[in-house]
Amino acid sequence: MSLNFNEKGEKPRYIHKRNPLVPHAFQIFEFKDYKGRNGDYEPVGDYTLLDTDEDADLTELKLNNLTRLMNGKKDLMDLKDKTDTRLLFNVVPRKNDNDPSKIIFRTYDGDGVSKENAILVLEKGVLND
């Protein structure tokens, strides 16, 4: 599907970009539209890859799925043929109400214990918390 040049394309609420300052890291941005001003994307979180042996293309695909979920999309890319591990996660409990949300992602290959893969840190409120 392509947009007609007269149609206004709707910007997704959340996007991600590689962090130019930190290798193996991405920034999560939220589109914020202020009344009376043009909206713009503002950083609201970080995704940092801990398992630096992971293929960069696979990491990008995982981030695409993550931002699709954050945007309320249900049609995710199936990554089974790209990896032979399961992706698990756990939410880190907050110590204070104003602390950011932290989610630790782990990979599990079916043998032994899971391995830390990445950490996602999002500002309070992004996950409706």
C-alpha atoms as a PDB file:
ATOM      1  CA  MET A   1       0.000   0.000   0.000  1.00  0.00           C
ATOM      2  CA  SER A   2       1.344   3.438  -0.870  1.00  0.00           C
ATOM      3  CA  LEU A   3       0.183   6.815   0.285  1.00  0.00           C
ATOM      4  CA  ASN A   4      -1.235   9.328  -2.119  1.00  0.00           C
ATOM      5  CA  PHE A   5       0.811  12.531  -1.946  1.00  0.00           C
ATOM      6  CA  ASN A   6      -2.327  14.349  -0.763  1.00  0.00           C
ATOM      7  CA  GLU A   7      -2.833  11.971   2.166  1.00  0.00           C
ATOM      8  CA  LYS A   8      -1.278  12.790   5.483  1.00  0.00           C
ATOM      9  CA  GLY A   9       0.869   9.905   6.719  1.00  0.00           C
ATOM     10  CA  GLU A  10       0.354   9.159  10.369  1.00  0.00           C
ATOM     11  CA  LYS A  11       3.559   8.919  12.349  1.00  0.00           C
ATOM     12  CA  PRO A  12       3.933   5.935  14.656  1.00  0.00           C
ATOM     13  CA  ARG A  13       3.890   6.807  18.335  1.00  0.00           C
ATOM     14  CA  TYR A  14       7.135   4.924  19.041  1.00  0.00           C
ATOM     15  CA  ILE A  15      10.237   4.448  16.912  1.00  0.00           C
ATOM     16  CA  HIS A  16      13.802   3.317  17.571  1.00  0.00           C
ATOM     17  CA  LYS A  17      17.188   4.408  16.263  1.00  0.00           C
ATOM     18  CA  ARG A  18      20.725   3.237  16.869  1.00  0.00           C
ATOM     19  CA  ASN A  19      22.429   5.159  19.650  1.00  0.00           C
ATOM     20  CA  PRO A  20      25.278   7.019  17.927  1.00  0.00           C
ATOM     21  CA  LEU A  21      27.294   7.199  21.156  1.00  0.00           C
ATOM     22  CA  VAL A  22      26.930   3.688  22.555  1.00  0.00           C
ATOM     23  CA  PRO A  23      27.794   0.561  20.564  1.00  0.00           C
ATOM     24  CA  HIS A  24      25.126  -2.177  20.651  1.00  0.00           C
ATOM     25  CA  ALA A  25      22.497   0.254  21.950  1.00  0.00           C
ATOM     26  CA  PHE A  26      19.326   1.816  20.607  1.00  0.00           C
ATOM     27  CA  GLN A  27      17.200   4.730  21.701  1.00  0.00           C
ATOM     28  CA  ILE A  28      13.399   4.528  21.893  1.00  0.00           C
ATOM     29  CA  PHE A  29      11.541   7.700  20.892  1.00  0.00           C
ATOM     30  CA  GLU A  30       7.935   8.756  21.412  1.00  0.00           C
ATOM     31  CA  PHE A  31       6.128  11.199  19.134  1.00  0.00           C
ATOM     32  CA  LYS A  32       4.855  14.047  21.283  1.00  0.00           C
ATOM     33  CA  ASP A  33       2.483  16.532  19.717  1.00  0.00           C
ATOM     34  CA  TYR A  34       2.164  19.690  21.775  1.00  0.00           C
ATOM     35  CA  LYS A  35      -0.782  22.000  21.263  1.00  0.00           C
ATOM     36  CA  GLY A  36       0.160  24.983  19.131  1.00  0.00           C
ATOM     37  CA  ARG A  37       3.503  23.469  18.064  1.00  0.00           C
ATOM     38  CA  ASN A  38       4.605  20.867  15.592  1.00  0.00           C
ATOM     39  CA  GLY A  39       5.170  17.527  17.247  1.00  0.00           C
ATOM     40  CA  ASP A  40       8.513  15.786  17.349  1.00  0.00           C
ATOM     41  CA  TYR A  41      10.082  12.575  18.583  1.00  0.00           C
ATOM     42  CA  GLU A  42      11.614  12.705  22.050  1.00  0.00           C
ATOM     43  CA  PRO A  43      13.745  10.009  23.715  1.00  0.00           C
ATOM     44  CA  VAL A  44      11.876   7.935  26.301  1.00  0.00           C
ATOM     45  CA  GLY A  45      14.091   4.889  26.674  1.00  0.00           C
ATOM     46  CA  ASP A  46      17.080   2.768  25.781  1.00  0.00           C
ATOM     47  CA  TYR A  47      17.612  -0.796  24.621  1.00  0.00           C
ATOM     48  CA  THR A  48      21.136  -2.050  25.302  1.00  0.00           C
ATOM     49  CA  LEU A  49      22.342  -5.357  23.920  1.00  0.00           C
ATOM     50  CA  LEU A  50      24.333  -7.263  26.552  1.00  0.00           C
ATOM     51  CA  ASP A  51      25.097 -10.310  24.401  1.00  0.00           C
ATOM     52  CA  THR A  52      27.388  -8.648  21.866  1.00  0.00           C
ATOM     53  CA  ASP A  53      27.787 -11.961  20.000  1.00  0.00           C
ATOM     54  CA  GLU A  54      24.221 -11.560  18.712  1.00  0.00           C
ATOM     55  CA  ASP A  55      23.961 -10.698  15.027  1.00  0.00           C
ATOM     56  CA  ALA A  56      23.192  -6.986  14.547  1.00  0.00           C
ATOM     57  CA  ASP A  57      20.440  -7.770  12.020  1.00  0.00           C
ATOM     58  CA  LEU A  58      18.680 -10.032  14.527  1.00  0.00           C
ATOM     59  CA  THR A  59      18.857  -7.296  17.168  1.00  0.00           C
ATOM     60  CA  GLU A  60      17.292  -4.840  14.711  1.00  0.00           C
ATOM     61  CA  LEU A  61      14.466  -7.311  13.954  1.00  0.00           C
ATOM     62  CA  LYS A  62      13.793  -7.756  17.681  1.00  0.00           C
ATOM     63  CA  LEU A  63      13.613  -3.968  18.075  1.00  0.00           C
ATOM     64  CA  ASN A  64      11.215  -3.748  15.130  1.00  0.00           C
ATOM     65  CA  ASN A  65       8.911  -6.221  16.887  1.00  0.00           C
ATOM     66  CA  LEU A  66       9.279  -4.408  20.202  1.00  0.00           C
ATOM     67  CA  THR A  67       8.335  -1.007  18.779  1.00  0.00           C
ATOM     68  CA  ARG A  68       5.457  -2.617  16.845  1.00  0.00           C
ATOM     69  CA  LEU A  69       4.130  -3.997  20.157  1.00  0.00           C
ATOM     70  CA  MET A  70       4.537  -0.602  21.805  1.00  0.00           C
ATOM     71  CA  ASN A  71       2.523   0.890  18.922  1.00  0.00           C
ATOM     72  CA  GLY A  72      -0.307  -1.581  19.552  1.00  0.00           C
ATOM     73  CA  LYS A  73       0.392  -3.749  16.506  1.00  0.00           C
ATOM     74  CA  LYS A  74      -0.171  -7.484  16.765  1.00  0.00           C
ATOM     75  CA  ASP A  75       1.394  -8.632  13.474  1.00  0.00           C
ATOM     76  CA  LEU A  76       4.959  -9.336  14.506  1.00  0.00           C
ATOM     77  CA  MET A  77       7.741 -10.790  12.420  1.00  0.00           C
ATOM     78  CA  ASP A  78       8.333 -14.473  13.120  1.00  0.00           C
ATOM     79  CA  LEU A  79      12.006 -14.827  14.081  1.00  0.00           C
ATOM     80  CA  LYS A  80      12.075 -18.625  14.595  1.00  0.00           C
ATOM     81  CA  ASP A  81      14.113 -19.189  11.448  1.00  0.00           C
ATOM     82  CA  LYS A  82      16.687 -16.577  12.535  1.00  0.00           C
ATOM     83  CA  THR A  83      17.555 -18.052  15.925  1.00  0.00           C
ATOM     84  CA  ASP A  84      17.367 -21.364  17.753  1.00  0.00           C
ATOM     85  CA  THR A  85      16.722 -19.793  21.148  1.00  0.00           C
ATOM     86  CA  ARG A  86      13.654 -18.640  23.036  1.00  0.00           C
ATOM     87  CA  LEU A  87      13.460 -15.041  24.187  1.00  0.00           C
ATOM     88  CA  LEU A  88      12.385 -14.680  27.810  1.00  0.00           C
ATOM     89  CA  PHE A  89      11.992 -11.546  29.902  1.00  0.00           C
ATOM     90  CA  ASN A  90      11.424 -10.341  33.419  1.00  0.00           C
ATOM     91  CA  VAL A  91      10.352  -6.952  34.704  1.00  0.00           C
ATOM     92  CA  VAL A  92      12.638  -5.548  37.389  1.00  0.00           C
ATOM     93  CA  PRO A  93      10.616  -4.336  40.405  1.00  0.00           C
ATOM     94  CA  ARG A  94      10.867  -0.609  41.066  1.00  0.00           C
ATOM     95  CA  LYS A  95      12.348   0.691  44.279  1.00  0.00           C
ATOM     96  CA  ASN A  96      10.578   4.075  43.953  1.00  0.00           C
ATOM     97  CA  ASP A  97       7.373   5.066  42.135  1.00  0.00           C
ATOM     98  CA  ASN A  98       9.218   7.490  39.853  1.00  0.00           C
ATOM     99  CA  ASP A  99      11.894   4.999  38.753  1.00  0.00           C
ATOM    100  CA  PRO A 100      11.908   3.992  35.087  1.00  0.00           C
ATOM    101  CA  SER A 101      10.598   0.610  33.951  1.00  0.00           C
ATOM    102  CA  LYS A 102      13.349  -1.961  33.396  1.00  0.00           C
ATOM    103  CA  ILE A 103      12.944  -5.196  31.511  1.00  0.00           C
ATOM    104  CA  ILE A 104      15.710  -7.787  31.251  1.00  0.00           C
ATOM    105  CA  PHE A 105      15.601 -10.003  28.155  1.00  0.00           C
ATOM    106  CA  ARG A 106      17.214 -13.441  28.265  1.00  0.00           C
ATOM    107  CA  THR A 107      17.808 -16.109  25.665  1.00  0.00           C
ATOM    108  CA  TYR A 108      17.353 -19.789  26.381  1.00  0.00           C
ATOM    109  CA  ASP A 109      18.674 -22.504  24.071  1.00  0.00           C
ATOM    110  CA  GLY A 110      17.044 -25.393  25.955  1.00  0.00           C
ATOM    111  CA  ASP A 111      20.224 -26.379  27.762  1.00  0.00           C
ATOM    112  CA  GLY A 112      21.316 -25.147  31.183  1.00  0.00           C
ATOM    113  CA  VAL A 113      20.354 -21.655  32.294  1.00  0.00           C
ATOM    114  CA  SER A 114      19.194 -18.659  30.288  1.00  0.00           C
ATOM    115  CA  LYS A 115      21.688 -15.995  29.229  1.00  0.00           C
ATOM    116  CA  GLU A 116      21.197 -12.237  29.629  1.00  0.00           C
ATOM    117  CA  ASN A 117      20.569 -10.753  26.207  1.00  0.00           C
ATOM    118  CA  ALA A 118      19.487  -7.126  26.596  1.00  0.00           C
ATOM    119  CA  ILE A 119      18.003  -4.545  28.930  1.00  0.00           C
ATOM    120  CA  LEU A 120      15.182  -2.168  28.090  1.00  0.00           C
ATOM    121  CA  VAL A 121      14.771   0.977  30.199  1.00  0.00           C
ATOM    122  CA  LEU A 122      11.697   3.172  29.649  1.00  0.00           C
ATOM    123  CA  GLU A 123      10.591   6.371  31.374  1.00  0.00           C
ATOM    124  CA  LYS A 124       7.802   6.044  33.905  1.00  0.00           C
ATOM    125  CA  GLY A 125       4.450   6.186  32.144  1.00  0.00           C
ATOM    126  CA  VAL A 126       5.500   4.763  28.787  1.00  0.00           C
ATOM    127  CA  LEU A 127       4.149   1.340  29.769  1.00  0.00           C
ATOM    128  CA  ASN A 128       1.023   2.844  31.387  1.00  0.00           C
ATOM    129  CA  ASP A 129       2.450   2.268  34.828  1.00  0.00           C
END
